[in-house]
Amino acid sequence: MATETAAELLAQAKKDYGTPAERANRAAEARVQSGQARTHGNEAAGAPRGRRS
C-alpha cells in the first residue's frame, strides 16, 4: 500500500467512485429517491390502520 503511486491511487479512486459526472448523476438520483421515499412515508402515515368493518 505505501508504495502505490499517485497515479495508481487516482486510478483506483476513479474506479471506486466514478467520474465527477457519474457522481453527480448518482447524487441527483439519490435526491429523487429520497423525495419519493419521504412522500410514500407521509402517505403511509396518513393511511387508515386496522380492520375496516
PDB file of N, CA and C in Angstrom:
ATOM      1  N   MET A   1       0.815  -1.197   0.000  1.00  0.00           N
ATOM      2  CA  MET A   1       0.000   0.000   0.000  1.00  0.00           C
ATOM      3  C   MET A   1       0.854   1.255   0.000  1.00  0.00           C
ATOM      4  N   ALA A   2       1.880   1.296   0.780  1.00  0.00           N
ATOM      5  CA  ALA A   2       2.683   2.500   0.929  1.00  0.00           C
ATOM      6  C   ALA A   2       3.480   2.802  -0.333  1.00  0.00           C
ATOM      7  N   THR A   3       3.645   1.840  -1.208  1.00  0.00           N
ATOM      8  CA  THR A   3       4.454   2.061  -2.411  1.00  0.00           C
ATOM      9  C   THR A   3       3.622   2.441  -3.621  1.00  0.00           C
ATOM     10  N   GLU A   4       2.303   2.624  -3.463  1.00  0.00           N
ATOM     11  CA  GLU A   4       1.459   2.997  -4.593  1.00  0.00           C
ATOM     12  C   GLU A   4       1.767   4.428  -5.027  1.00  0.00           C
ATOM     13  N   THR A   5       1.739   4.639  -6.304  1.00  0.00           N
ATOM     14  CA  THR A   5       1.980   5.987  -6.814  1.00  0.00           C
ATOM     15  C   THR A   5       0.685   6.783  -6.810  1.00  0.00           C
ATOM     16  N   ALA A   6       0.821   8.089  -6.977  1.00  0.00           N
ATOM     17  CA  ALA A   6      -0.361   8.946  -7.033  1.00  0.00           C
ATOM     18  C   ALA A   6      -1.260   8.547  -8.199  1.00  0.00           C
ATOM     19  N   ALA A   7      -0.665   8.196  -9.322  1.00  0.00           N
ATOM     20  CA  ALA A   7      -1.450   7.784 -10.492  1.00  0.00           C
ATOM     21  C   ALA A   7      -2.252   6.521 -10.195  1.00  0.00           C
ATOM     22  N   GLU A   8      -1.634   5.586  -9.483  1.00  0.00           N
ATOM     23  CA  GLU A   8      -2.350   4.353  -9.128  1.00  0.00           C
ATOM     24  C   GLU A   8      -3.496   4.659  -8.177  1.00  0.00           C
ATOM     25  N   LEU A   9      -3.250   5.540  -7.228  1.00  0.00           N
ATOM     26  CA  LEU A   9      -4.305   5.904  -6.283  1.00  0.00           C
ATOM     27  C   LEU A   9      -5.449   6.627  -6.981  1.00  0.00           C
ATOM     28  N   LEU A  10      -5.124   7.521  -7.908  1.00  0.00           N
ATOM     29  CA  LEU A  10      -6.168   8.209  -8.655  1.00  0.00           C
ATOM     30  C   LEU A  10      -6.964   7.248  -9.527  1.00  0.00           C
ATOM     31  N   ALA A  11      -6.293   6.303 -10.135  1.00  0.00           N
ATOM     32  CA  ALA A  11      -6.980   5.303 -10.958  1.00  0.00           C
ATOM     33  C   ALA A  11      -7.921   4.460 -10.101  1.00  0.00           C
ATOM     34  N   GLN A  12      -7.473   4.099  -8.913  1.00  0.00           N
ATOM     35  CA  GLN A  12      -8.328   3.316  -8.017  1.00  0.00           C
ATOM     36  C   GLN A  12      -9.525   4.140  -7.559  1.00  0.00           C
ATOM     37  N   ALA A  13      -9.313   5.399  -7.236  1.00  0.00           N
ATOM     38  CA  ALA A  13     -10.420   6.268  -6.820  1.00  0.00           C
ATOM     39  C   ALA A  13     -11.436   6.426  -7.946  1.00  0.00           C
ATOM     40  N   LYS A  14     -10.947   6.597  -9.179  1.00  0.00           N
ATOM     41  CA  LYS A  14     -11.857   6.723 -10.319  1.00  0.00           C
ATOM     42  C   LYS A  14     -12.667   5.444 -10.487  1.00  0.00           C
ATOM     43  N   LYS A  15     -12.019   4.319 -10.311  1.00  0.00           N
ATOM     44  CA  LYS A  15     -12.704   3.029 -10.428  1.00  0.00           C
ATOM     45  C   LYS A  15     -13.741   2.870  -9.322  1.00  0.00           C
ATOM     46  N   ASP A  16     -13.397   3.287  -8.103  1.00  0.00           N
ATOM     47  CA  ASP A  16     -14.301   3.133  -6.961  1.00  0.00           C
ATOM     48  C   ASP A  16     -15.455   4.123  -6.979  1.00  0.00           C
ATOM     49  N   TYR A  17     -15.182   5.366  -7.345  1.00  0.00           N
ATOM     50  CA  TYR A  17     -16.170   6.434  -7.196  1.00  0.00           C
ATOM     51  C   TYR A  17     -16.706   6.989  -8.493  1.00  0.00           C
ATOM     52  N   GLY A  18     -16.094   6.689  -9.611  1.00  0.00           N
ATOM     53  CA  GLY A  18     -16.556   7.176 -10.894  1.00  0.00           C
ATOM     54  C   GLY A  18     -16.078   8.580 -11.189  1.00  0.00           C
ATOM     55  N   THR A  19     -16.483   9.067 -12.334  1.00  0.00           N
ATOM     56  CA  THR A  19     -16.104  10.408 -12.750  1.00  0.00           C
ATOM     57  C   THR A  19     -16.977  11.422 -12.011  1.00  0.00           C
ATOM     58  N   PRO A  20     -16.593  12.686 -12.011  1.00  0.00           N
ATOM     59  CA  PRO A  20     -17.445  13.698 -11.380  1.00  0.00           C
ATOM     60  C   PRO A  20     -18.864  13.718 -11.961  1.00  0.00           C
ATOM     61  N   ALA A  21     -18.996  13.510 -13.253  1.00  0.00           N
ATOM     62  CA  ALA A  21     -20.331  13.479 -13.867  1.00  0.00           C
ATOM     63  C   ALA A  21     -21.138  12.288 -13.358  1.00  0.00           C
ATOM     64  N   GLU A  22     -20.494  11.133 -13.222  1.00  0.00           N
ATOM     65  CA  GLU A  22     -21.194   9.951 -12.705  1.00  0.00           C
ATOM     66  C   GLU A  22     -21.617  10.159 -11.262  1.00  0.00           C
ATOM     67  N   ARG A  23     -20.747  10.769 -10.471  1.00  0.00           N
ATOM     68  CA  ARG A  23     -21.098  11.044  -9.077  1.00  0.00           C
ATOM     69  C   ARG A  23     -22.275  12.016  -8.993  1.00  0.00           C
ATOM     70  N   ALA A  24     -22.276  13.029  -9.851  1.00  0.00           N
ATOM     71  CA  ALA A  24     -23.382  13.990  -9.871  1.00  0.00           C
ATOM     72  C   ALA A  24     -24.687  13.311 -10.254  1.00  0.00           C
ATOM     73  N   ASN A  25     -24.624  12.417 -11.227  1.00  0.00           N
ATOM     74  CA  ASN A  25     -25.830  11.677 -11.630  1.00  0.00           C
ATOM     75  C   ASN A  25     -26.344  10.807 -10.493  1.00  0.00           C
ATOM     76  N   ARG A  26     -25.435  10.124  -9.787  1.00  0.00           N
ATOM     77  CA  ARG A  26     -25.855   9.295  -8.657  1.00  0.00           C
ATOM     78  C   ARG A  26     -26.451  10.143  -7.544  1.00  0.00           C
ATOM     79  N   ALA A  27     -25.868  11.308  -7.292  1.00  0.00           N
ATOM     80  CA  ALA A  27     -26.389  12.200  -6.248  1.00  0.00           C
ATOM     81  C   ALA A  27     -27.785  12.699  -6.619  1.00  0.00           C
ATOM     82  N   ALA A  28     -27.991  13.045  -7.875  1.00  0.00           N
ATOM     83  CA  ALA A  28     -29.309  13.504  -8.325  1.00  0.00           C
ATOM     84  C   ALA A  28     -30.341  12.387  -8.184  1.00  0.00           C
ATOM     85  N   GLU A  29     -29.967  11.189  -8.583  1.00  0.00           N
ATOM     86  CA  GLU A  29     -30.878  10.046  -8.457  1.00  0.00           C
ATOM     87  C   GLU A  29     -31.201   9.772  -6.988  1.00  0.00           C
ATOM     88  N   ALA A  30     -30.216   9.892  -6.126  1.00  0.00           N
ATOM     89  CA  ALA A  30     -30.444   9.677  -4.693  1.00  0.00           C
ATOM     90  C   ALA A  30     -31.411  10.712  -4.139  1.00  0.00           C
ATOM     91  N   ARG A  31     -31.312  11.964  -4.602  1.00  0.00           N
ATOM     92  CA  ARG A  31     -32.247  13.010  -4.143  1.00  0.00           C
ATOM     93  C   ARG A  31     -33.665  12.684  -4.582  1.00  0.00           C
ATOM     94  N   VAL A  32     -33.821  12.210  -5.809  1.00  0.00           N
ATOM     95  CA  VAL A  32     -35.149  11.837  -6.311  1.00  0.00           C
ATOM     96  C   VAL A  32     -35.720  10.698  -5.468  1.00  0.00           C
ATOM     97  N   GLN A  33     -34.909   9.672  -5.237  1.00  0.00           N
ATOM     98  CA  GLN A  33     -35.392   8.522  -4.464  1.00  0.00           C
ATOM     99  C   GLN A  33     -35.711   8.913  -3.026  1.00  0.00           C
ATOM    100  N   SER A  34     -34.925   9.797  -2.461  1.00  0.00           N
ATOM    101  CA  SER A  34     -35.174  10.259  -1.098  1.00  0.00           C
ATOM    102  C   SER A  34     -36.509  10.994  -1.029  1.00  0.00           C
ATOM    103  N   GLY A  35     -36.767  11.832  -2.008  1.00  0.00           N
ATOM    104  CA  GLY A  35     -38.044  12.549  -2.049  1.00  0.00           C
ATOM    105  C   GLY A  35     -39.222  11.604  -2.205  1.00  0.00           C
ATOM    106  N   GLN A  36     -39.058  10.595  -3.043  1.00  0.00           N
ATOM    107  CA  GLN A  36     -40.132   9.615  -3.224  1.00  0.00           C
ATOM    108  C   GLN A  36     -40.372   8.828  -1.943  1.00  0.00           C
ATOM    109  N   ALA A  37     -39.309   8.458  -1.259  1.00  0.00           N
ATOM    110  CA  ALA A  37     -39.456   7.708  -0.011  1.00  0.00           C
ATOM    111  C   ALA A  37     -40.164   8.561   1.032  1.00  0.00           C
ATOM    112  N   ARG A  38     -39.831   9.840   1.096  1.00  0.00           N
ATOM    113  CA  ARG A  38     -40.481  10.740   2.048  1.00  0.00           C
ATOM    114  C   ARG A  38     -41.972  10.858   1.730  1.00  0.00           C
ATOM    115  N   THR A  39     -42.299  11.008   0.443  1.00  0.00           N
ATOM    116  CA  THR A  39     -43.697  11.107   0.030  1.00  0.00           C
ATOM    117  C   THR A  39     -44.461   9.843   0.375  1.00  0.00           C
ATOM    118  N   HIS A  40     -43.884   8.702   0.076  1.00  0.00           N
ATOM    119  CA  HIS A  40     -44.562   7.435   0.370  1.00  0.00           C
ATOM    120  C   HIS A  40     -44.720   7.239   1.869  1.00  0.00           C
ATOM    121  N   GLY A  41     -43.736   7.645   2.630  1.00  0.00           N
ATOM    122  CA  GLY A  41     -43.833   7.548   4.083  1.00  0.00           C
ATOM    123  C   GLY A  41     -44.946   8.420   4.625  1.00  0.00           C
ATOM    124  N   ASN A  42     -45.063   9.615   4.091  1.00  0.00           N
ATOM    125  CA  ASN A  42     -46.143  10.507   4.530  1.00  0.00           C
ATOM    126  C   ASN A  42     -47.505   9.940   4.160  1.00  0.00           C
ATOM    127  N   GLU A  43     -47.607   9.369   2.975  1.00  0.00           N
ATOM    128  CA  GLU A  43     -48.867   8.750   2.558  1.00  0.00           C
ATOM    129  C   GLU A  43     -49.209   7.570   3.456  1.00  0.00           C
ATOM    130  N   ALA A  44     -48.214   6.761   3.775  1.00  0.00           N
ATOM    131  CA  ALA A  44     -48.466   5.597   4.632  1.00  0.00           C
ATOM    132  C   ALA A  44     -48.858   6.039   6.030  1.00  0.00           C
ATOM    133  N   ALA A  45     -48.273   7.105   6.510  1.00  0.00           N
ATOM    134  CA  ALA A  45     -48.604   7.589   7.867  1.00  0.00           C
ATOM    135  C   ALA A  45     -50.051   8.068   7.933  1.00  0.00           C
ATOM    136  N   GLY A  46     -50.572   8.549   6.830  1.00  0.00           N
ATOM    137  CA  GLY A  46     -51.950   9.047   6.828  1.00  0.00           C
ATOM    138  C   GLY A  46     -52.986   8.004   6.473  1.00  0.00           C
ATOM    139  N   ALA A  47     -52.554   6.818   6.102  1.00  0.00           N
ATOM    140  CA  ALA A  47     -53.488   5.761   5.711  1.00  0.00           C
ATOM    141  C   ALA A  47     -54.169   5.175   6.943  1.00  0.00           C
ATOM    142  N   PRO A  48     -55.419   4.800   6.802  1.00  0.00           N
ATOM    143  CA  PRO A  48     -56.114   4.186   7.941  1.00  0.00           C
ATOM    144  C   PRO A  48     -55.471   2.830   8.307  1.00  0.00           C
ATOM    145  N   ARG A  49     -55.512   2.524   9.565  1.00  0.00           N
ATOM    146  CA  ARG A  49     -54.921   1.280  10.047  1.00  0.00           C
ATOM    147  C   ARG A  49     -55.984   0.357  10.626  1.00  0.00           C
ATOM    148  N   GLY A  50     -55.653  -0.886  10.682  1.00  0.00           N
ATOM    149  CA  GLY A  50     -56.564  -1.860  11.290  1.00  0.00           C
ATOM    150  C   GLY A  50     -57.609  -2.344  10.319  1.00  0.00           C
ATOM    151  N   ARG A  51     -58.552  -3.087  10.860  1.00  0.00           N
ATOM    152  CA  ARG A  51     -59.606  -3.645  10.039  1.00  0.00           C
ATOM    153  C   ARG A  51     -60.692  -2.634   9.776  1.00  0.00           C
ATOM    154  N   ARG A  52     -61.255  -2.776   8.610  1.00  0.00           N
ATOM    155  CA  ARG A  52     -62.435  -1.970   8.294  1.00  0.00           C
ATOM    156  C   ARG A  52     -63.644  -2.871   8.417  1.00  0.00           C
ATOM    157  N   SER A  53     -64.688  -2.354   8.983  1.00  0.00           N
ATOM    158  CA  SER A  53     -65.877  -3.203   9.126  1.00  0.00           C
ATOM    159  C   SER A  53     -66.953  -2.857   8.149  1.00  0.00           C
TER     160      SER A  53
END
